[in-house]
Amino acid sequence: MKNQKGFSLIELLIVVVIIGIIAAIAIPNLLAARRSANEGSAISSLRTMHGADVTYQSTAGAGQFAVDMATLQGQNLIDTTLAGATAAASAKSGYWYEYDGAGVAGNPSVFAVVAQPSTTGGLTATGTRNFLVSEDGVIYASADALTLPAIDAATRVVSNATPLNN
């Protein structure tokens, strides 16, 4: 019996502990990379929406922006996935979008879109910030996922956020 080959229970436990330590280090970094990728996708989607709205304004909109994302999708300016990401349950890459088209009939025509993470806390958080874009094309980011950027309808001044691309 002394010539049996294999690993002892202690050796197997040491290997399991080492794998656990490596996983404990790698998993938080993986989740942070996923949140960062989701935020990058949200910023890209806001740029797409701004470009689509400017295109709509100069073509089918007769000088006015679209009243909602469905109008942009109907003109084939945004895809159905982005147009349908209007609630946390239908989020695109962890973010959903709230389109404010209340000011499109004004002179000048205005709009705003806010991107919000579908899950804001815990290990399953899909993002750590909210984003906003309006007719000027500047993308603003809030300090955290619990603070929504706000835009004053009269002055178009954004609060609770800082510009990403000045």
N, C-alpha and C. Protein backbone atom coordinates (compact mmCIF):
# COMPACT_ATOMS: atom_id res chain seq x y z
N MET A 1 0.80 -1.20 0.00
CA MET A 1 0.00 0.00 0.00
C MET A 1 0.85 1.27 0.00
N LYS A 2 2.09 1.19 0.36
CA LYS A 2 2.92 2.39 0.40
C LYS A 2 3.30 2.87 -0.99
N ASN A 3 3.16 2.10 -2.02
CA ASN A 3 3.56 2.48 -3.37
C ASN A 3 2.41 3.09 -4.17
N GLN A 4 1.30 3.41 -3.52
CA GLN A 4 0.19 4.02 -4.25
C GLN A 4 0.58 5.41 -4.70
N LYS A 5 0.16 5.74 -5.95
CA LYS A 5 0.48 7.04 -6.48
C LYS A 5 -0.78 7.89 -6.49
N GLY A 6 -0.67 9.21 -6.32
CA GLY A 6 -1.81 10.12 -6.31
C GLY A 6 -1.54 11.26 -5.34
N PHE A 7 -2.56 12.08 -5.19
CA PHE A 7 -2.40 13.25 -4.33
C PHE A 7 -3.05 12.97 -2.98
N SER A 8 -2.48 13.54 -1.96
CA SER A 8 -3.09 13.41 -0.63
C SER A 8 -4.19 14.45 -0.49
N LEU A 9 -5.01 14.29 0.50
CA LEU A 9 -6.11 15.22 0.76
C LEU A 9 -5.58 16.63 1.04
N ILE A 10 -4.51 16.73 1.74
CA ILE A 10 -3.91 18.04 2.05
C ILE A 10 -3.45 18.73 0.77
N GLU A 11 -2.81 18.01 -0.12
CA GLU A 11 -2.36 18.60 -1.38
C GLU A 11 -3.54 19.10 -2.21
N LEU A 12 -4.60 18.33 -2.26
CA LEU A 12 -5.80 18.76 -3.00
C LEU A 12 -6.42 20.00 -2.36
N LEU A 13 -6.48 20.07 -1.05
CA LEU A 13 -7.03 21.24 -0.36
C LEU A 13 -6.19 22.49 -0.62
N ILE A 14 -4.88 22.34 -0.67
CA ILE A 14 -4.00 23.47 -0.95
C ILE A 14 -4.27 24.00 -2.36
N VAL A 15 -4.45 23.11 -3.33
CA VAL A 15 -4.75 23.52 -4.70
C VAL A 15 -6.09 24.25 -4.75
N VAL A 16 -7.09 23.75 -4.07
CA VAL A 16 -8.40 24.40 -4.04
C VAL A 16 -8.30 25.79 -3.42
N VAL A 17 -7.54 25.95 -2.36
CA VAL A 17 -7.37 27.26 -1.72
C VAL A 17 -6.66 28.23 -2.67
N ILE A 18 -5.66 27.77 -3.37
CA ILE A 18 -4.94 28.63 -4.32
C ILE A 18 -5.87 29.08 -5.44
N ILE A 19 -6.68 28.18 -5.97
CA ILE A 19 -7.64 28.54 -7.01
C ILE A 19 -8.66 29.55 -6.47
N GLY A 20 -9.10 29.36 -5.24
CA GLY A 20 -10.03 30.31 -4.62
C GLY A 20 -9.43 31.69 -4.47
N ILE A 21 -8.17 31.78 -4.10
CA ILE A 21 -7.50 33.08 -3.95
C ILE A 21 -7.39 33.76 -5.31
N ILE A 22 -7.01 33.02 -6.33
CA ILE A 22 -6.91 33.59 -7.68
C ILE A 22 -8.27 34.08 -8.15
N ALA A 23 -9.33 33.32 -7.90
CA ALA A 23 -10.69 33.73 -8.29
C ALA A 23 -11.11 34.99 -7.53
N ALA A 24 -10.77 35.07 -6.25
CA ALA A 24 -11.14 36.24 -5.45
C ALA A 24 -10.47 37.51 -5.97
N ILE A 25 -9.30 37.36 -6.57
CA ILE A 25 -8.61 38.52 -7.14
C ILE A 25 -9.16 38.85 -8.53
N ALA A 26 -9.44 37.84 -9.34
CA ALA A 26 -9.82 38.06 -10.74
C ALA A 26 -11.27 38.49 -10.92
N ILE A 27 -12.20 37.97 -10.15
CA ILE A 27 -13.62 38.24 -10.37
C ILE A 27 -13.97 39.72 -10.21
N PRO A 28 -13.52 40.43 -9.18
CA PRO A 28 -13.85 41.87 -9.10
C PRO A 28 -13.31 42.67 -10.29
N ASN A 29 -12.14 42.31 -10.77
CA ASN A 29 -11.59 43.00 -11.93
C ASN A 29 -12.42 42.72 -13.17
N LEU A 30 -12.90 41.50 -13.33
CA LEU A 30 -13.75 41.14 -14.45
C LEU A 30 -15.07 41.92 -14.40
N LEU A 31 -15.67 42.02 -13.21
CA LEU A 31 -16.92 42.76 -13.08
C LEU A 31 -16.72 44.25 -13.35
N ALA A 32 -15.60 44.81 -12.91
CA ALA A 32 -15.31 46.22 -13.17
C ALA A 32 -15.12 46.46 -14.66
N ALA A 33 -14.48 45.54 -15.35
CA ALA A 33 -14.30 45.67 -16.80
C ALA A 33 -15.65 45.59 -17.51
N ARG A 34 -16.53 44.75 -17.03
CA ARG A 34 -17.87 44.64 -17.63
C ARG A 34 -18.66 45.94 -17.44
N ARG A 35 -18.62 46.52 -16.23
CA ARG A 35 -19.31 47.80 -16.00
C ARG A 35 -18.74 48.90 -16.88
N SER A 36 -17.43 48.92 -17.03
CA SER A 36 -16.79 49.92 -17.87
C SER A 36 -17.20 49.75 -19.34
N ALA A 37 -17.28 48.52 -19.80
CA ALA A 37 -17.71 48.26 -21.18
C ALA A 37 -19.17 48.69 -21.37
N ASN A 38 -20.02 48.44 -20.38
CA ASN A 38 -21.42 48.87 -20.46
C ASN A 38 -21.51 50.39 -20.54
N GLU A 39 -20.70 51.09 -19.76
CA GLU A 39 -20.71 52.56 -19.79
C GLU A 39 -20.24 53.06 -21.15
N GLY A 40 -19.22 52.43 -21.70
CA GLY A 40 -18.75 52.81 -23.04
C GLY A 40 -19.82 52.59 -24.09
N SER A 41 -20.56 51.51 -23.98
CA SER A 41 -21.66 51.24 -24.90
C SER A 41 -22.76 52.28 -24.76
N ALA A 42 -23.06 52.69 -23.53
CA ALA A 42 -24.09 53.71 -23.29
C ALA A 42 -23.68 55.05 -23.91
N ILE A 43 -22.43 55.42 -23.75
CA ILE A 43 -21.93 56.67 -24.34
C ILE A 43 -22.02 56.60 -25.86
N SER A 44 -21.62 55.48 -26.43
CA SER A 44 -21.71 55.30 -27.87
C SER A 44 -23.16 55.36 -28.35
N SER A 45 -24.07 54.76 -27.61
CA SER A 45 -25.49 54.80 -27.97
C SER A 45 -26.03 56.22 -27.91
N LEU A 46 -25.59 57.01 -26.93
CA LEU A 46 -26.03 58.41 -26.87
C LEU A 46 -25.50 59.20 -28.06
N ARG A 47 -24.27 58.93 -28.47
CA ARG A 47 -23.73 59.60 -29.66
C ARG A 47 -24.54 59.21 -30.90
N THR A 48 -24.88 57.94 -30.99
CA THR A 48 -25.70 57.46 -32.10
C THR A 48 -27.06 58.16 -32.10
N MET A 49 -27.67 58.26 -30.92
CA MET A 49 -28.98 58.90 -30.83
C MET A 49 -28.91 60.38 -31.19
N HIS A 50 -27.86 61.05 -30.76
CA HIS A 50 -27.72 62.46 -31.10
C HIS A 50 -27.57 62.62 -32.61
N GLY A 51 -26.71 61.80 -33.21
CA GLY A 51 -26.52 61.87 -34.66
C GLY A 51 -27.80 61.56 -35.42
N ALA A 52 -28.54 60.58 -34.94
CA ALA A 52 -29.81 60.22 -35.57
C ALA A 52 -30.81 61.36 -35.46
N ASP A 53 -30.84 62.02 -34.30
CA ASP A 53 -31.79 63.13 -34.11
C ASP A 53 -31.43 64.33 -34.98
N VAL A 54 -30.16 64.62 -35.12
CA VAL A 54 -29.74 65.73 -35.99
C VAL A 54 -30.07 65.40 -37.44
N THR A 55 -29.86 64.16 -37.84
CA THR A 55 -30.23 63.73 -39.19
C THR A 55 -31.73 63.85 -39.40
N TYR A 56 -32.51 63.42 -38.41
CA TYR A 56 -33.97 63.51 -38.50
C TYR A 56 -34.39 64.98 -38.62
N GLN A 57 -33.78 65.85 -37.82
CA GLN A 57 -34.12 67.28 -37.83
C GLN A 57 -33.89 67.88 -39.21
N SER A 58 -32.80 67.50 -39.86
CA SER A 58 -32.47 68.11 -41.15
C SER A 58 -33.15 67.43 -42.34
N THR A 59 -33.79 66.28 -42.11
CA THR A 59 -34.47 65.59 -43.23
C THR A 59 -35.97 65.51 -42.96
N ALA A 60 -36.41 64.48 -42.33
CA ALA A 60 -37.85 64.23 -42.14
C ALA A 60 -38.50 65.14 -41.11
N GLY A 61 -37.74 65.73 -40.21
CA GLY A 61 -38.30 66.52 -39.12
C GLY A 61 -38.64 67.95 -39.46
N ALA A 62 -38.27 68.43 -40.63
CA ALA A 62 -38.55 69.81 -41.05
C ALA A 62 -38.11 70.82 -39.99
N GLY A 63 -36.89 70.62 -39.46
CA GLY A 63 -36.34 71.56 -38.49
C GLY A 63 -36.60 71.21 -37.04
N GLN A 64 -37.37 70.16 -36.79
CA GLN A 64 -37.64 69.75 -35.41
C GLN A 64 -37.08 68.35 -35.16
N PHE A 65 -36.67 68.12 -33.90
CA PHE A 65 -36.16 66.81 -33.52
C PHE A 65 -37.32 65.82 -33.38
N ALA A 66 -36.99 64.55 -33.29
CA ALA A 66 -38.00 63.50 -33.12
C ALA A 66 -38.63 63.59 -31.73
N VAL A 67 -39.88 63.19 -31.61
CA VAL A 67 -40.57 63.24 -30.32
C VAL A 67 -40.22 62.06 -29.43
N ASP A 68 -39.75 60.95 -30.03
CA ASP A 68 -39.37 59.78 -29.25
C ASP A 68 -38.43 58.89 -30.04
N MET A 69 -37.92 57.86 -29.37
CA MET A 69 -36.97 56.96 -30.04
C MET A 69 -37.67 56.11 -31.10
N ALA A 70 -38.95 55.82 -30.92
CA ALA A 70 -39.67 55.04 -31.91
C ALA A 70 -39.73 55.77 -33.25
N THR A 71 -39.82 57.10 -33.22
CA THR A 71 -39.82 57.89 -34.46
C THR A 71 -38.47 57.75 -35.17
N LEU A 72 -37.38 57.79 -34.40
CA LEU A 72 -36.05 57.62 -34.99
C LEU A 72 -35.90 56.22 -35.57
N GLN A 73 -36.43 55.22 -34.88
CA GLN A 73 -36.36 53.85 -35.37
C GLN A 73 -37.22 53.69 -36.62
N GLY A 74 -38.37 54.35 -36.65
CA GLY A 74 -39.25 54.29 -37.81
C GLY A 74 -38.62 54.88 -39.06
N GLN A 75 -37.70 55.81 -38.89
CA GLN A 75 -36.97 56.40 -40.01
C GLN A 75 -35.67 55.64 -40.31
N ASN A 76 -35.47 54.51 -39.65
CA ASN A 76 -34.26 53.68 -39.79
C ASN A 76 -32.99 54.42 -39.42
N LEU A 77 -33.08 55.29 -38.41
CA LEU A 77 -31.92 56.04 -37.95
C LEU A 77 -31.27 55.38 -36.73
N ILE A 78 -32.03 54.60 -35.97
CA ILE A 78 -31.48 53.78 -34.89
C ILE A 78 -32.08 52.38 -35.02
N ASP A 79 -31.40 51.39 -34.45
CA ASP A 79 -31.89 50.01 -34.56
C ASP A 79 -32.98 49.71 -33.54
N THR A 80 -33.63 48.58 -33.71
CA THR A 80 -34.75 48.22 -32.84
C THR A 80 -34.30 47.92 -31.42
N THR A 81 -33.08 47.43 -31.24
CA THR A 81 -32.58 47.15 -29.90
C THR A 81 -32.44 48.44 -29.10
N LEU A 82 -31.86 49.45 -29.70
CA LEU A 82 -31.71 50.74 -29.03
C LEU A 82 -33.07 51.41 -28.83
N ALA A 83 -33.92 51.36 -29.82
CA ALA A 83 -35.24 51.98 -29.70
C ALA A 83 -36.09 51.30 -28.64
N GLY A 84 -35.86 50.01 -28.42
CA GLY A 84 -36.64 49.27 -27.43
C GLY A 84 -36.07 49.29 -26.03
N ALA A 85 -34.89 49.88 -25.84
CA ALA A 85 -34.25 49.90 -24.52
C ALA A 85 -34.80 51.06 -23.68
N THR A 86 -36.09 50.99 -23.37
CA THR A 86 -36.75 52.09 -22.67
C THR A 86 -37.09 51.76 -21.22
N ALA A 87 -36.67 50.59 -20.75
CA ALA A 87 -36.90 50.19 -19.35
C ALA A 87 -35.77 49.26 -18.94
N ALA A 88 -35.59 49.09 -17.64
CA ALA A 88 -34.51 48.24 -17.13
C ALA A 88 -34.61 46.81 -17.65
N ALA A 89 -35.84 46.33 -17.84
CA ALA A 89 -36.03 44.96 -18.31
C ALA A 89 -35.61 44.77 -19.76
N SER A 90 -35.60 45.85 -20.55
CA SER A 90 -35.23 45.74 -21.97
C SER A 90 -33.93 46.48 -22.27
N ALA A 91 -33.06 46.58 -21.28
CA ALA A 91 -31.82 47.35 -21.40
C ALA A 91 -30.92 46.81 -22.51
N LYS A 92 -30.16 47.74 -23.09
CA LYS A 92 -29.15 47.40 -24.10
C LYS A 92 -27.79 47.52 -23.45
N SER A 93 -27.07 46.43 -23.37
CA SER A 93 -25.75 46.40 -22.72
C SER A 93 -25.79 46.99 -21.32
N GLY A 94 -26.83 46.65 -20.57
CA GLY A 94 -26.91 47.06 -19.17
C GLY A 94 -27.44 48.46 -18.94
N TYR A 95 -27.81 49.19 -19.98
CA TYR A 95 -28.34 50.55 -19.83
C TYR A 95 -29.67 50.68 -20.55
N TRP A 96 -30.56 51.51 -19.99
CA TRP A 96 -31.81 51.84 -20.65
C TRP A 96 -31.89 53.35 -20.81
N TYR A 97 -32.74 53.81 -21.73
CA TYR A 97 -32.72 55.20 -22.17
C TYR A 97 -34.08 55.85 -22.00
N GLU A 98 -34.05 57.07 -21.48
CA GLU A 98 -35.27 57.86 -21.32
C GLU A 98 -35.15 59.08 -22.23
N TYR A 99 -36.01 59.13 -23.23
CA TYR A 99 -35.98 60.19 -24.23
C TYR A 99 -37.00 61.25 -23.85
N ASP A 100 -36.55 62.50 -23.73
CA ASP A 100 -37.45 63.62 -23.42
C ASP A 100 -37.62 64.46 -24.67
N GLY A 101 -38.75 64.28 -25.34
CA GLY A 101 -39.04 65.02 -26.56
C GLY A 101 -40.09 66.10 -26.35
N ALA A 102 -40.28 66.51 -25.10
CA ALA A 102 -41.32 67.50 -24.80
C ALA A 102 -41.05 68.84 -25.47
N GLY A 103 -39.79 69.19 -25.72
CA GLY A 103 -39.46 70.49 -26.29
C GLY A 103 -39.20 70.50 -27.78
N VAL A 104 -39.54 69.43 -28.47
CA VAL A 104 -39.20 69.37 -29.89
C VAL A 104 -40.03 70.32 -30.74
N ALA A 105 -41.22 70.69 -30.28
CA ALA A 105 -42.07 71.59 -31.06
C ALA A 105 -41.72 73.06 -30.84
N GLY A 106 -40.83 73.33 -29.90
CA GLY A 106 -40.46 74.71 -29.61
C GLY A 106 -39.54 75.30 -30.66
N ASN A 107 -39.24 76.57 -30.48
CA ASN A 107 -38.31 77.24 -31.37
C ASN A 107 -37.23 77.88 -30.52
N PRO A 108 -36.04 77.34 -30.42
CA PRO A 108 -35.53 76.21 -31.19
C PRO A 108 -36.03 74.87 -30.63
N SER A 109 -36.01 73.87 -31.48
CA SER A 109 -36.39 72.52 -31.10
C SER A 109 -35.30 71.92 -30.20
N VAL A 110 -35.71 71.28 -29.11
CA VAL A 110 -34.75 70.71 -28.16
C VAL A 110 -35.18 69.29 -27.77
N PHE A 111 -34.22 68.51 -27.31
CA PHE A 111 -34.50 67.16 -26.80
C PHE A 111 -33.42 66.81 -25.78
N ALA A 112 -33.63 65.75 -25.03
CA ALA A 112 -32.62 65.24 -24.11
C ALA A 112 -32.83 63.74 -23.96
N VAL A 113 -31.73 63.01 -23.80
CA VAL A 113 -31.80 61.57 -23.58
C VAL A 113 -30.91 61.25 -22.38
N VAL A 114 -31.47 60.50 -21.42
CA VAL A 114 -30.72 60.06 -20.24
C VAL A 114 -30.52 58.56 -20.32
N ALA A 115 -29.30 58.11 -20.10
CA ALA A 115 -28.98 56.69 -20.06
C ALA A 115 -28.76 56.30 -18.60
N GLN A 116 -29.47 55.24 -18.16
CA GLN A 116 -29.39 54.79 -16.78
C GLN A 116 -29.06 53.31 -16.72
N PRO A 117 -28.20 52.90 -15.77
CA PRO A 117 -27.90 51.47 -15.65
C PRO A 117 -29.14 50.70 -15.20
N SER A 118 -29.31 49.49 -15.70
CA SER A 118 -30.48 48.70 -15.32
C SER A 118 -30.36 48.17 -13.90
N THR A 119 -29.14 47.94 -13.42
CA THR A 119 -28.89 47.52 -12.04
C THR A 119 -27.80 48.41 -11.48
N THR A 120 -28.07 49.05 -10.34
CA THR A 120 -27.13 50.06 -9.84
C THR A 120 -26.27 49.61 -8.66
N GLY A 121 -26.57 48.48 -8.06
CA GLY A 121 -25.80 48.09 -6.88
C GLY A 121 -25.44 46.62 -6.85
N GLY A 122 -24.51 46.30 -5.99
CA GLY A 122 -24.12 44.91 -5.78
C GLY A 122 -23.19 44.38 -6.86
N LEU A 123 -23.00 43.07 -6.83
CA LEU A 123 -22.10 42.43 -7.79
C LEU A 123 -22.65 42.46 -9.20
N THR A 124 -23.96 42.57 -9.34
CA THR A 124 -24.57 42.54 -10.67
C THR A 124 -24.78 43.93 -11.26
N ALA A 125 -24.19 44.96 -10.66
CA ALA A 125 -24.35 46.32 -11.17
C ALA A 125 -23.89 46.40 -12.61
N THR A 126 -24.72 47.03 -13.46
CA THR A 126 -24.37 47.13 -14.88
C THR A 126 -23.69 48.45 -15.21
N GLY A 127 -23.63 49.37 -14.26
CA GLY A 127 -22.96 50.64 -14.47
C GLY A 127 -22.87 51.41 -13.17
N THR A 128 -21.99 52.40 -13.14
CA THR A 128 -21.81 53.20 -11.93
C THR A 128 -22.19 54.66 -12.14
N ARG A 129 -22.52 55.06 -13.37
CA ARG A 129 -22.87 56.45 -13.66
C ARG A 129 -24.07 56.51 -14.60
N ASN A 130 -24.74 57.66 -14.59
CA ASN A 130 -25.79 57.98 -15.57
C ASN A 130 -25.20 58.96 -16.57
N PHE A 131 -25.78 58.98 -17.77
CA PHE A 131 -25.30 59.87 -18.82
C PHE A 131 -26.46 60.63 -19.44
N LEU A 132 -26.18 61.80 -20.01
CA LEU A 132 -27.19 62.62 -20.67
C LEU A 132 -26.59 63.26 -21.90
N VAL A 133 -27.40 63.35 -22.96
CA VAL A 133 -27.03 64.12 -24.15
C VAL A 133 -28.26 64.92 -24.56
N SER A 134 -28.02 66.11 -25.09
CA SER A 134 -29.12 66.92 -25.61
C SER A 134 -28.71 67.44 -26.98
N GLU A 135 -29.44 68.43 -27.47
CA GLU A 135 -29.23 68.90 -28.84
C GLU A 135 -27.84 69.47 -29.07
N ASP A 136 -27.12 69.90 -28.03
CA ASP A 136 -25.77 70.45 -28.25
C ASP A 136 -24.72 69.37 -28.49
N GLY A 137 -25.05 68.10 -28.21
CA GLY A 137 -24.14 67.00 -28.50
C GLY A 137 -23.12 66.70 -27.42
N VAL A 138 -23.10 67.49 -26.34
CA VAL A 138 -22.17 67.24 -25.24
C VAL A 138 -22.75 66.13 -24.37
N ILE A 139 -21.95 65.13 -24.06
CA ILE A 139 -22.40 64.04 -23.19
C ILE A 139 -21.95 64.35 -21.77
N TYR A 140 -22.92 64.30 -20.86
CA TYR A 140 -22.66 64.58 -19.45
C TYR A 140 -22.76 63.29 -18.66
N ALA A 141 -21.95 63.18 -17.60
CA ALA A 141 -21.99 62.00 -16.72
C ALA A 141 -22.28 62.46 -15.30
N SER A 142 -23.14 61.72 -14.62
CA SER A 142 -23.42 62.02 -13.22
C SER A 142 -22.35 61.38 -12.35
N ALA A 143 -22.29 61.81 -11.13
CA ALA A 143 -21.26 61.32 -10.22
C ALA A 143 -21.46 59.85 -9.89
N ASP A 144 -22.68 59.41 -9.78
CA ASP A 144 -22.95 58.01 -9.47
C ASP A 144 -24.29 57.59 -10.06
N ALA A 145 -24.56 56.32 -10.00
CA ALA A 145 -25.76 55.77 -10.64
C ALA A 145 -27.05 56.14 -9.91
N LEU A 146 -26.95 56.72 -8.72
CA LEU A 146 -28.15 57.11 -7.98
C LEU A 146 -28.54 58.56 -8.23
N THR A 147 -27.68 59.33 -8.89
CA THR A 147 -27.93 60.74 -9.16
C THR A 147 -28.17 60.94 -10.66
N LEU A 148 -29.41 61.27 -11.02
CA LEU A 148 -29.72 61.50 -12.43
C LEU A 148 -29.30 62.89 -12.86
N PRO A 149 -28.70 63.03 -14.03
CA PRO A 149 -28.45 64.36 -14.56
C PRO A 149 -29.79 65.02 -14.88
N ALA A 150 -29.88 66.31 -14.67
CA ALA A 150 -31.12 67.04 -14.97
C ALA A 150 -30.79 68.20 -15.89
N ILE A 151 -31.74 68.56 -16.74
CA ILE A 151 -31.53 69.66 -17.67
C ILE A 151 -32.70 70.63 -17.52
N ASP A 152 -32.39 71.90 -17.30
CA ASP A 152 -33.42 72.92 -17.16
C ASP A 152 -34.02 73.21 -18.53
N ALA A 153 -35.33 73.10 -18.64
CA ALA A 153 -35.99 73.25 -19.94
C ALA A 153 -35.82 74.64 -20.52
N ALA A 154 -35.78 75.67 -19.69
CA ALA A 154 -35.70 77.04 -20.20
C ALA A 154 -34.27 77.44 -20.55
N THR A 155 -33.33 77.16 -19.67
CA THR A 155 -31.96 77.64 -19.87
C THR A 155 -31.05 76.61 -20.52
N ARG A 156 -31.49 75.34 -20.55
CA ARG A 156 -30.71 74.22 -21.09
C ARG A 156 -29.42 73.99 -20.32
N VAL A 157 -29.39 74.38 -19.05
CA VAL A 157 -28.23 74.16 -18.19
C VAL A 157 -28.38 72.79 -17.52
N VAL A 158 -27.33 71.99 -17.59
CA VAL A 158 -27.35 70.65 -17.02
C VAL A 158 -26.81 70.72 -15.59
N SER A 159 -27.54 70.07 -14.67
CA SER A 159 -27.09 69.99 -13.29
C SER A 159 -26.88 68.52 -12.91
N ASN A 160 -26.19 68.29 -11.82
CA ASN A 160 -25.88 66.96 -11.30
C ASN A 160 -24.99 66.15 -12.25
N ALA A 161 -24.23 66.82 -13.11
CA ALA A 161 -23.39 66.09 -14.06
C ALA A 161 -22.25 66.97 -14.54
N THR A 162 -21.23 66.32 -15.07
CA THR A 162 -20.10 67.04 -15.66
C THR A 162 -19.92 66.58 -17.10
N PRO A 163 -19.49 67.48 -17.99
CA PRO A 163 -19.33 67.08 -19.40
C PRO A 163 -18.18 66.10 -19.59
N LEU A 164 -18.38 65.14 -20.48
CA LEU A 164 -17.32 64.20 -20.82
C LEU A 164 -16.47 64.70 -21.98
N ASN A 165 -17.11 65.40 -22.93
CA ASN A 165 -16.40 65.85 -24.13
C ASN A 165 -16.66 67.33 -24.37
N ASN A 166 -15.87 68.18 -23.74
CA ASN A 166 -16.10 69.61 -23.94
C ASN A 166 -15.41 70.08 -25.19
